[in-house]
PDB file of N, CA and C in Angstrom:
ATOM      1  N   MET A   1      20.712  58.479  70.258  1.00  0.00           N
ATOM      2  CA  MET A   1      20.279  59.861  71.442  1.00  0.00           C
ATOM      3  C   MET A   1      19.918  59.235  72.512  1.00  0.00           C
ATOM      4  N   THR A   2      20.370  60.497  73.343  1.00  0.00           N
ATOM      5  CA  THR A   2      20.135  60.081  74.366  1.00  0.00           C
ATOM      6  C   THR A   2      18.635  61.056  74.771  1.00  0.00           C
ATOM      7  N   PRO A   3      17.205  60.160  75.357  1.00  0.00           N
ATOM      8  CA  PRO A   3      15.977  60.837  75.981  1.00  0.00           C
ATOM      9  C   PRO A   3      16.537  61.769  76.257  1.00  0.00           C
ATOM     10  N   SER A   4      15.860  63.067  76.273  1.00  0.00           N
ATOM     11  CA  SER A   4      15.924  63.897  77.323  1.00  0.00           C
ATOM     12  C   SER A   4      14.917  63.830  78.442  1.00  0.00           C
ATOM     13  N   ARG A   5      14.754  63.788  79.414  1.00  0.00           N
ATOM     14  CA  ARG A   5      14.216  63.921  80.811  1.00  0.00           C
ATOM     15  C   ARG A   5      12.998  65.347  81.066  1.00  0.00           C
ATOM     16  N   SER A   6      11.868  64.977  81.525  1.00  0.00           N
ATOM     17  CA  SER A   6      11.260  66.199  81.869  1.00  0.00           C
ATOM     18  C   SER A   6      10.125  65.930  82.827  1.00  0.00           C
ATOM     19  N   GLY A   7      10.150  66.804  83.904  1.00  0.00           N
ATOM     20  CA  GLY A   7       9.272  66.825  84.898  1.00  0.00           C
ATOM     21  C   GLY A   7      10.365  65.410  85.859  1.00  0.00           C
ATOM     22  N   GLU A   8       9.144  64.975  86.637  1.00  0.00           N
ATOM     23  CA  GLU A   8       9.948  63.586  87.533  1.00  0.00           C
ATOM     24  C   GLU A   8       9.570  62.095  86.811  1.00  0.00           C
ATOM     25  N   HIS A   9      10.735  61.777  86.532  1.00  0.00           N
ATOM     26  CA  HIS A   9      10.582  60.633  86.037  1.00  0.00           C
ATOM     27  C   HIS A   9       9.835  60.364  84.651  1.00  0.00           C
ATOM     28  N   HIS A  10       9.676  61.078  83.880  1.00  0.00           N
ATOM     29  CA  HIS A  10       9.482  61.266  82.758  1.00  0.00           C
ATOM     30  C   HIS A  10      10.589  61.226  81.486  1.00  0.00           C
ATOM     31  N   VAL A  11       9.917  60.395  80.486  1.00  0.00           N
ATOM     32  CA  VAL A  11      11.218  60.463  79.564  1.00  0.00           C
ATOM     33  C   VAL A  11      10.578  60.928  78.244  1.00  0.00           C
ATOM     34  N   ARG A  12      11.378  61.569  77.189  1.00  0.00           N
ATOM     35  CA  ARG A  12      10.787  61.734  75.966  1.00  0.00           C
ATOM     36  C   ARG A  12      11.745  61.593  74.817  1.00  0.00           C
ATOM     37  N   MET A  13      11.217  61.120  73.917  1.00  0.00           N
ATOM     38  CA  MET A  13      12.066  60.240  72.659  1.00  0.00           C
ATOM     39  C   MET A  13      11.288  60.599  71.716  1.00  0.00           C
ATOM     40  N   PRO A  14      11.383  61.003  70.006  1.00  0.00           N
ATOM     41  CA  PRO A  14      10.648  61.511  68.802  1.00  0.00           C
ATOM     42  C   PRO A  14       9.708  59.927  68.990  1.00  0.00           C
ATOM     43  N   ASP A  15       8.525  60.379  68.241  1.00  0.00           N
ATOM     44  CA  ASP A  15       7.836  59.156  67.678  1.00  0.00           C
ATOM     45  C   ASP A  15       8.175  58.299  66.945  1.00  0.00           C
ATOM     46  N   SER A  16       9.124  58.641  65.669  1.00  0.00           N
ATOM     47  CA  SER A  16       9.611  57.619  65.452  1.00  0.00           C
ATOM     48  C   SER A  16      10.292  56.497  66.127  1.00  0.00           C
ATOM     49  N   GLU A  17      11.031  56.644  66.507  1.00  0.00           N
ATOM     50  CA  GLU A  17      11.750  56.207  67.894  1.00  0.00           C
ATOM     51  C   GLU A  17      11.194  55.084  68.425  1.00  0.00           C
ATOM     52  N   PHE A  18       9.996  55.892  69.412  1.00  0.00           N
ATOM     53  CA  PHE A  18       9.171  55.293  69.732  1.00  0.00           C
ATOM     54  C   PHE A  18       8.452  54.039  69.138  1.00  0.00           C
ATOM     55  N   GLU A  19       8.418  54.323  68.189  1.00  0.00           N
ATOM     56  CA  GLU A  19       7.517  53.221  67.222  1.00  0.00           C
ATOM     57  C   GLU A  19       8.488  52.380  66.774  1.00  0.00           C
ATOM     58  N   ASP A  20       9.921  52.235  67.015  1.00  0.00           N
ATOM     59  CA  ASP A  20      10.682  51.566  66.309  1.00  0.00           C
ATOM     60  C   ASP A  20      10.608  50.737  67.416  1.00  0.00           C
ATOM     61  N   LEU A  21      10.970  51.295  68.757  1.00  0.00           N
ATOM     62  CA  LEU A  21      11.071  50.703  69.627  1.00  0.00           C
ATOM     63  C   LEU A  21       9.776  49.594  70.367  1.00  0.00           C
ATOM     64  N   LEU A  22       8.427  49.777  69.943  1.00  0.00           N
ATOM     65  CA  LEU A  22       7.247  49.217  69.964  1.00  0.00           C
ATOM     66  C   LEU A  22       7.259  48.224  69.125  1.00  0.00           C
ATOM     67  N   ALA A  23       7.843  48.734  67.405  1.00  0.00           N
ATOM     68  CA  ALA A  23       7.730  47.336  66.779  1.00  0.00           C
ATOM     69  C   ALA A  23       8.774  46.384  67.065  1.00  0.00           C
ATOM     70  N   ARG A  24       9.924  46.711  67.485  1.00  0.00           N
ATOM     71  CA  ARG A  24      11.328  45.969  68.464  1.00  0.00           C
ATOM     72  C   ARG A  24      10.151  44.873  69.320  1.00  0.00           C
ATOM     73  N   ALA A  25       9.586  45.434  70.375  1.00  0.00           N
ATOM     74  CA  ALA A  25       8.936  44.754  71.119  1.00  0.00           C
ATOM     75  C   ALA A  25       8.005  44.097  71.267  1.00  0.00           C
ATOM     76  N   ALA A  26       7.278  44.089  70.102  1.00  0.00           N
ATOM     77  CA  ALA A  26       6.239  43.798  69.550  1.00  0.00           C
ATOM     78  C   ALA A  26       6.723  41.817  69.063  1.00  0.00           C
ATOM     79  N   GLU A  27       7.320  42.310  68.437  1.00  0.00           N
ATOM     80  CA  GLU A  27       8.427  41.097  67.106  1.00  0.00           C
ATOM     81  C   GLU A  27       9.101  40.207  68.416  1.00  0.00           C
ATOM     82  N   ALA A  28       9.705  40.660  69.139  1.00  0.00           N
ATOM     83  CA  ALA A  28      10.369  39.859  70.086  1.00  0.00           C
ATOM     84  C   ALA A  28       9.550  38.846  70.821  1.00  0.00           C
ATOM     85  N   GLY A  29       8.037  39.656  71.289  1.00  0.00           N
ATOM     86  CA  GLY A  29       7.505  38.941  72.045  1.00  0.00           C
ATOM     87  C   GLY A  29       6.846  38.388  71.494  1.00  0.00           C
ATOM     88  N   ALA A  30       6.444  38.022  69.491  1.00  0.00           N
ATOM     89  CA  ALA A  30       5.821  37.361  69.158  1.00  0.00           C
ATOM     90  C   ALA A  30       6.758  36.412  68.652  1.00  0.00           C
ATOM     91  N   GLN A  31       7.629  36.145  68.686  1.00  0.00           N
ATOM     92  CA  GLN A  31       8.493  35.176  68.378  1.00  0.00           C
ATOM     93  C   GLN A  31       9.045  34.214  69.867  1.00  0.00           C
ATOM     94  N   ARG A  32       8.415  34.784  70.661  1.00  0.00           N
ATOM     95  CA  ARG A  32       8.884  34.241  72.114  1.00  0.00           C
ATOM     96  C   ARG A  32       7.759  33.368  72.246  1.00  0.00           C
ATOM     97  N   ALA A  33       6.305  34.073  71.620  1.00  0.00           N
ATOM     98  CA  ALA A  33       5.676  33.218  72.108  1.00  0.00           C
ATOM     99  C   ALA A  33       5.506  31.967  70.911  1.00  0.00           C
ATOM    100  N   LEU A  34       5.979  32.269  70.004  1.00  0.00           N
ATOM    101  CA  LEU A  34       5.611  31.134  68.845  1.00  0.00           C
ATOM    102  C   LEU A  34       6.673  30.143  69.504  1.00  0.00           C
ATOM    103  N   ALA A  35       7.800  30.773  69.929  1.00  0.00           N
ATOM    104  CA  ALA A  35       8.919  29.167  70.682  1.00  0.00           C
ATOM    105  C   ALA A  35       8.191  28.809  71.755  1.00  0.00           C
ATOM    106  N   ASN A  36       7.698  29.372  73.100  1.00  0.00           N
ATOM    107  CA  ASN A  36       7.313  28.790  73.842  1.00  0.00           C
ATOM    108  C   ASN A  36       5.604  27.674  73.158  1.00  0.00           C
ATOM    109  N   VAL A  37       5.145  27.570  72.397  1.00  0.00           N
ATOM    110  CA  VAL A  37       4.325  26.854  71.750  1.00  0.00           C
ATOM    111  C   VAL A  37       4.979  25.777  70.514  1.00  0.00           C
ATOM    112  N   GLY A  38       6.277  26.088  70.471  1.00  0.00           N
ATOM    113  CA  GLY A  38       6.906  25.227  69.644  1.00  0.00           C
ATOM    114  C   GLY A  38       6.854  25.281  68.177  1.00  0.00           C
ATOM    115  N   LEU A  39       6.388  26.707  67.905  1.00  0.00           N
ATOM    116  CA  LEU A  39       6.710  26.854  66.402  1.00  0.00           C
ATOM    117  C   LEU A  39       7.357  28.021  66.041  1.00  0.00           C
ATOM    118  N   ASP A  40       8.924  28.095  66.014  1.00  0.00           N
ATOM    119  CA  ASP A  40       9.748  28.732  66.024  1.00  0.00           C
ATOM    120  C   ASP A  40      10.573  27.927  64.777  1.00  0.00           C
ATOM    121  N   GLY A  41      10.630  26.780  64.254  1.00  0.00           N
ATOM    122  CA  GLY A  41      11.494  26.535  63.544  1.00  0.00           C
ATOM    123  C   GLY A  41      11.505  26.285  62.214  1.00  0.00           C
ATOM    124  N   GLU A  42      12.270  26.084  61.107  1.00  0.00           N
ATOM    125  CA  GLU A  42      11.699  26.137  60.213  1.00  0.00           C
ATOM    126  C   GLU A  42      10.944  25.931  59.560  1.00  0.00           C
ATOM    127  N   GLU A  43      10.188  24.690  59.896  1.00  0.00           N
ATOM    128  CA  GLU A  43       9.011  24.186  59.034  1.00  0.00           C
ATOM    129  C   GLU A  43       7.732  24.672  59.892  1.00  0.00           C
ATOM    130  N   ALA A  44       7.686  25.834  60.740  1.00  0.00           N
ATOM    131  CA  ALA A  44       6.655  26.623  61.371  1.00  0.00           C
ATOM    132  C   ALA A  44       5.474  26.896  60.217  1.00  0.00           C
ATOM    133  N   ALA A  45       5.554  27.626  59.302  1.00  0.00           N
ATOM    134  CA  ALA A  45       4.781  27.276  58.020  1.00  0.00           C
ATOM    135  C   ALA A  45       3.738  26.588  58.141  1.00  0.00           C
ATOM    136  N   LEU A  46       4.917  25.183  57.558  1.00  0.00           N
ATOM    137  CA  LEU A  46       4.045  23.775  57.399  1.00  0.00           C
ATOM    138  C   LEU A  46       3.265  23.312  58.125  1.00  0.00           C
ATOM    139  N   ASP A  47       3.763  23.985  59.536  1.00  0.00           N
ATOM    140  CA  ASP A  47       3.238  23.242  60.984  1.00  0.00           C
ATOM    141  C   ASP A  47       1.651  24.047  60.783  1.00  0.00           C
ATOM    142  N   ILE A  48       1.682  25.174  60.650  1.00  0.00           N
ATOM    143  CA  ILE A  48       0.464  25.920  60.816  1.00  0.00           C
ATOM    144  C   ILE A  48      -0.555  25.474  60.185  1.00  0.00           C
ATOM    145  N   ARG A  49      -0.263  25.418  58.628  1.00  0.00           N
ATOM    146  CA  ARG A  49      -0.924  25.103  57.197  1.00  0.00           C
ATOM    147  C   ARG A  49      -1.791  23.708  57.789  1.00  0.00           C
ATOM    148  N   ASP A  50      -0.976  22.961  58.245  1.00  0.00           N
ATOM    149  CA  ASP A  50      -1.196  21.893  58.380  1.00  0.00           C
ATOM    150  C   ASP A  50      -2.340  21.314  59.480  1.00  0.00           C
ATOM    151  N   LEU A  51      -1.943  22.300  60.928  1.00  0.00           N
ATOM    152  CA  LEU A  51      -3.133  22.619  61.902  1.00  0.00           C
ATOM    153  C   LEU A  51      -4.412  23.244  61.206  1.00  0.00           C
ATOM    154  N   ARG A  52      -4.409  24.383  60.501  1.00  0.00           N
ATOM    155  CA  ARG A  52      -5.580  24.981  59.941  1.00  0.00           C
ATOM    156  C   ARG A  52      -6.269  23.680  58.645  1.00  0.00           C
ATOM    157  N   SER A  53      -5.085  22.825  57.789  1.00  0.00           N
ATOM    158  CA  SER A  53      -6.299  21.912  57.208  1.00  0.00           C
ATOM    159  C   SER A  53      -6.867  20.814  57.877  1.00  0.00           C
ATOM    160  N   LEU A  54      -5.810  20.599  58.767  1.00  0.00           N
ATOM    161  CA  LEU A  54      -6.769  19.584  59.893  1.00  0.00           C
ATOM    162  C   LEU A  54      -7.946  20.344  60.720  1.00  0.00           C
ATOM    163  N   LEU A  55      -7.932  21.228  61.040  1.00  0.00           N
ATOM    164  CA  LEU A  55      -9.071  22.273  61.444  1.00  0.00           C
ATOM    165  C   LEU A  55     -10.316  22.362  60.420  1.00  0.00           C
ATOM    166  N   ASP A  56      -9.968  22.174  59.370  1.00  0.00           N
ATOM    167  CA  ASP A  56     -11.027  22.574  58.030  1.00  0.00           C
ATOM    168  C   ASP A  56     -11.493  21.015  57.703  1.00  0.00           C
ATOM    169  N   CYS A  57     -10.748  19.976  58.105  1.00  0.00           N
ATOM    170  CA  CYS A  57     -10.893  18.394  57.926  1.00  0.00           C
ATOM    171  C   CYS A  57     -12.183  18.567  59.130  1.00  0.00           C
ATOM    172  N   ILE A  58     -11.632  18.541  60.237  1.00  0.00           N
ATOM    173  CA  ILE A  58     -12.823  18.485  61.599  1.00  0.00           C
ATOM    174  C   ILE A  58     -14.383  18.822  61.125  1.00  0.00           C
ATOM    175  N   ARG A  59     -13.820  20.511  60.798  1.00  0.00           N
ATOM    176  CA  ARG A  59     -15.498  21.216  60.510  1.00  0.00           C
ATOM    177  C   ARG A  59     -15.949  20.196  59.309  1.00  0.00           C
ATOM    178  N   LEU A  60     -15.106  19.776  58.140  1.00  0.00           N
ATOM    179  CA  LEU A  60     -15.839  19.144  57.122  1.00  0.00           C
ATOM    180  C   LEU A  60     -16.710  18.298  57.803  1.00  0.00           C
ATOM    181  N   VAL A  61     -16.071  17.431  58.424  1.00  0.00           N
ATOM    182  CA  VAL A  61     -16.638  16.370  59.308  1.00  0.00           C
ATOM    183  C   VAL A  61     -17.647  16.575  59.966  1.00  0.00           C
ATOM    184  N   ARG A  62     -17.954  17.798  61.176  1.00  0.00           N
ATOM    185  CA  ARG A  62     -19.337  17.880  62.091  1.00  0.00           C
ATOM    186  C   ARG A  62     -19.989  18.356  61.009  1.00  0.00           C
ATOM    187  N   ARG A  63     -20.201  18.968  59.800  1.00  0.00           N
ATOM    188  CA  ARG A  63     -21.014  19.184  59.009  1.00  0.00           C
ATOM    189  C   ARG A  63     -21.678  18.082  58.434  1.00  0.00           C
ATOM    190  N   THR A  64     -20.820  17.236  57.904  1.00  0.00           N
ATOM    191  CA  THR A  64     -21.469  15.934  57.292  1.00  0.00           C
ATOM    192  C   THR A  64     -22.058  15.003  58.532  1.00  0.00           C
ATOM    193  N   ALA A  65     -21.367  15.014  59.576  1.00  0.00           N
ATOM    194  CA  ALA A  65     -22.483  14.424  60.420  1.00  0.00           C
ATOM    195  C   ALA A  65     -23.713  14.804  60.754  1.00  0.00           C
ATOM    196  N   MET A  66     -23.677  16.290  60.882  1.00  0.00           N
ATOM    197  CA  MET A  66     -24.842  16.724  61.171  1.00  0.00           C
ATOM    198  C   MET A  66     -26.363  16.465  60.467  1.00  0.00           C
ATOM    199  N   GLN A  67     -25.476  16.981  58.815  1.00  0.00           N
ATOM    200  CA  GLN A  67     -26.230  16.333  57.297  1.00  0.00           C
ATOM    201  C   GLN A  67     -26.604  14.686  57.494  1.00  0.00           C
ATOM    202  N   THR A  68     -25.761  13.889  58.125  1.00  0.00           N
ATOM    203  CA  THR A  68     -26.367  12.612  58.074  1.00  0.00           C
ATOM    204  C   THR A  68     -27.194  12.197  59.177  1.00  0.00           C
ATOM    205  N   ALA A  69     -27.045  12.869  60.085  1.00  0.00           N
ATOM    206  CA  ALA A  69     -28.186  12.636  61.381  1.00  0.00           C
ATOM    207  C   ALA A  69     -29.179  13.440  60.892  1.00  0.00           C
ATOM    208  N   VAL A  70     -29.317  14.564  60.525  1.00  0.00           N
ATOM    209  CA  VAL A  70     -30.792  14.942  59.866  1.00  0.00           C
ATOM    210  C   VAL A  70     -31.419  14.269  58.886  1.00  0.00           C
ATOM    211  N   ARG A  71     -31.001  13.769  58.174  1.00  0.00           N
ATOM    212  CA  ARG A  71     -31.192  12.605  57.135  1.00  0.00           C
ATOM    213  C   ARG A  71     -31.378  11.193  57.148  1.00  0.00           C
ATOM    214  N   MET A  72     -31.119  10.892  58.631  1.00  0.00           N
ATOM    215  CA  MET A  72     -31.455   9.894  59.242  1.00  0.00           C
ATOM    216  C   MET A  72     -32.707   9.996  60.095  1.00  0.00           C
ATOM    217  N   ILE A  73     -32.994  10.734  60.773  1.00  0.00           N
ATOM    218  CA  ILE A  73     -34.104  11.116  61.495  1.00  0.00           C
ATOM    219  C   ILE A  73     -35.457  11.802  60.462  1.00  0.00           C
ATOM    220  N   THR A  74     -34.977  11.960  59.069  1.00  0.00           N
ATOM    221  CA  THR A  74     -36.021  12.247  58.525  1.00  0.00           C
ATOM    222  C   THR A  74     -36.341  10.545  57.760  1.00  0.00           C
ATOM    223  N   THR A  75     -35.317  10.074  57.244  1.00  0.00           N
ATOM    224  CA  THR A  75     -35.567   8.609  56.802  1.00  0.00           C
ATOM    225  C   THR A  75     -36.983   7.683  57.764  1.00  0.00           C
ATOM    226  N   GLY A  76     -36.381   8.040  59.188  1.00  0.00           N
ATOM    227  CA  GLY A  76     -36.863   7.539  59.687  1.00  0.00           C
ATOM    228  C   GLY A  76     -38.785   7.749  60.222  1.00  0.00           C
ATOM    229  N   VAL A  77     -38.691   9.226  60.109  1.00  0.00           N
ATOM    230  CA  VAL A  77     -40.239   9.552  60.339  1.00  0.00           C
ATOM    231  C   VAL A  77     -41.012   9.185  59.107  1.00  0.00           C
ATOM    232  N   MET A  78     -40.324   9.180  57.848  1.00  0.00           N
ATOM    233  CA  MET A  78     -41.280   9.052  56.785  1.00  0.00           C
ATOM    234  C   MET A  78     -41.328   7.533  56.757  1.00  0.00           C
ATOM    235  N   LEU A  79     -40.511   6.846  57.098  1.00  0.00           N
ATOM    236  CA  LEU A  79     -41.004   5.295  57.343  1.00  0.00           C
ATOM    237  C   LEU A  79     -42.116   5.257  58.355  1.00  0.00           C
ATOM    238  N   GLY A  80     -42.007   5.664  59.201  1.00  0.00           N
ATOM    239  CA  GLY A  80     -42.915   5.623  60.643  1.00  0.00           C
ATOM    240  C   GLY A  80     -44.296   5.757  60.046  1.00  0.00           C
ATOM    241  N   LEU A  81     -44.018   6.838  59.268  1.00  0.00           N
ATOM    242  CA  LEU A  81     -45.246   7.807  58.596  1.00  0.00           C
ATOM    243  C   LEU A  81     -46.170   6.459  57.411  1.00  0.00           C
ATOM    244  N   LEU A  82     -45.417   6.124  56.691  1.00  0.00           N
ATOM    245  CA  LEU A  82     -45.372   5.280  55.365  1.00  0.00           C
ATOM    246  C   LEU A  82     -45.927   3.743  55.987  1.00  0.00           C
ATOM    247  N   ALA A  83     -45.416   3.774  57.488  1.00  0.00           N
ATOM    248  CA  ALA A  83     -45.642   2.364  57.947  1.00  0.00           C
ATOM    249  C   ALA A  83     -47.261   2.453  58.799  1.00  0.00           C
ATOM    250  N   GLY A  84     -47.615   3.470  59.188  1.00  0.00           N
ATOM    251  CA  GLY A  84     -48.604   3.921  59.769  1.00  0.00           C
ATOM    252  C   GLY A  84     -49.580   3.890  58.970  1.00  0.00           C
ATOM    253  N   ILE A  85     -49.375   4.798  57.198  1.00  0.00           N
ATOM    254  CA  ILE A  85     -50.627   4.988  56.577  1.00  0.00           C
ATOM    255  C   ILE A  85     -50.652   2.874  56.267  1.00  0.00           C
ATOM    256  N   ALA A  86     -49.675   2.187  55.919  1.00  0.00           N
ATOM    257  CA  ALA A  86     -50.097   0.646  55.623  1.00  0.00           C
ATOM    258  C   ALA A  86     -50.440  -0.106  56.634  1.00  0.00           C
ATOM    259  N   LEU A  87     -50.769   0.378  57.753  1.00  0.00           N
ATOM    260  CA  LEU A  87     -51.750  -0.416  58.381  1.00  0.00           C
ATOM    261  C   LEU A  87     -52.737   0.355  58.473  1.00  0.00           C
ATOM    262  N   LYS A  88     -52.930   1.160  58.495  1.00  0.00           N
ATOM    263  CA  LYS A  88     -54.528   1.775  58.517  1.00  0.00           C
ATOM    264  C   LYS A  88     -55.152   1.383  57.662  1.00  0.00           C
ATOM    265  N   LEU A  89     -54.453   1.374  55.967  1.00  0.00           N
ATOM    266  CA  LEU A  89     -54.952   1.231  54.649  1.00  0.00           C
ATOM    267  C   LEU A  89     -55.504  -0.633  54.701  1.00  0.00           C
ATOM    268  N   LYS A  90     -54.750  -1.003  55.693  1.00  0.00           N
ATOM    269  CA  LYS A  90     -54.272  -2.724  55.691  1.00  0.00           C
ATOM    270  C   LYS A  90     -54.146  -3.263  54.125  1.00  0.00           C
ATOM    271  N   ILE A  91     -53.099  -2.636  54.114  1.00  0.00           N
ATOM    272  CA  ILE A  91     -52.379  -3.200  52.722  1.00  0.00           C
ATOM    273  C   ILE A  91     -51.809  -4.422  52.816  1.00  0.00           C
ATOM    274  N   PHE A  92     -50.623  -5.157  54.373  1.00  0.00           N
ATOM    275  CA  PHE A  92     -50.560  -6.283  54.312  1.00  0.00           C
ATOM    276  C   PHE A  92     -51.533  -7.226  54.942  1.00  0.00           C
ATOM    277  N   GLY A  93     -52.440  -6.947  54.837  1.00  0.00           N
ATOM    278  CA  GLY A  93     -53.755  -8.145  54.632  1.00  0.00           C
ATOM    279  C   GLY A  93     -54.531  -7.742  56.340  1.00  0.00           C
ATOM    280  N   SER A  94     -55.494  -8.326  56.412  1.00  0.00           N
ATOM    281  CA  SER A  94     -56.145  -7.877  57.322  1.00  0.00           C
ATOM    282  C   SER A  94     -55.785  -7.851  59.188  1.00  0.00           C
ATOM    283  N   SER A  95     -56.460  -6.778  60.048  1.00  0.00           N
ATOM    284  CA  SER A  95     -55.425  -7.520  61.135  1.00  0.00           C
ATOM    285  C   SER A  95     -56.487  -8.160  62.148  1.00  0.00           C
ATOM    286  N   PRO A  96     -56.165  -8.874  62.872  1.00  0.00           N
ATOM    287  CA  PRO A  96     -56.805  -9.697  64.196  1.00  0.00           C
ATOM    288  C   PRO A  96     -57.828  -8.844  64.690  1.00  0.00           C
TER     289      PRO A  96
END
């Protein structure tokens, strides 16, 4: 169907045809974008799953590293307090 013209340089077409045109353009754009980043082959889904898995692992490592750092700092503070208490109470002998 040839779109009708109304006014200056305006083209009118039915909404369903316009939506089909937009859907085809969006799909072509998405395929081109995936091809530009190298995710257009048969193994693209596997590559994306691997990338997501890698990101999950990075997040887990980051969270574990933060927990370990907090535990080490807490342990250091506790050991410092215990050493201070031991020196104050003269548990390891008399001070000079």
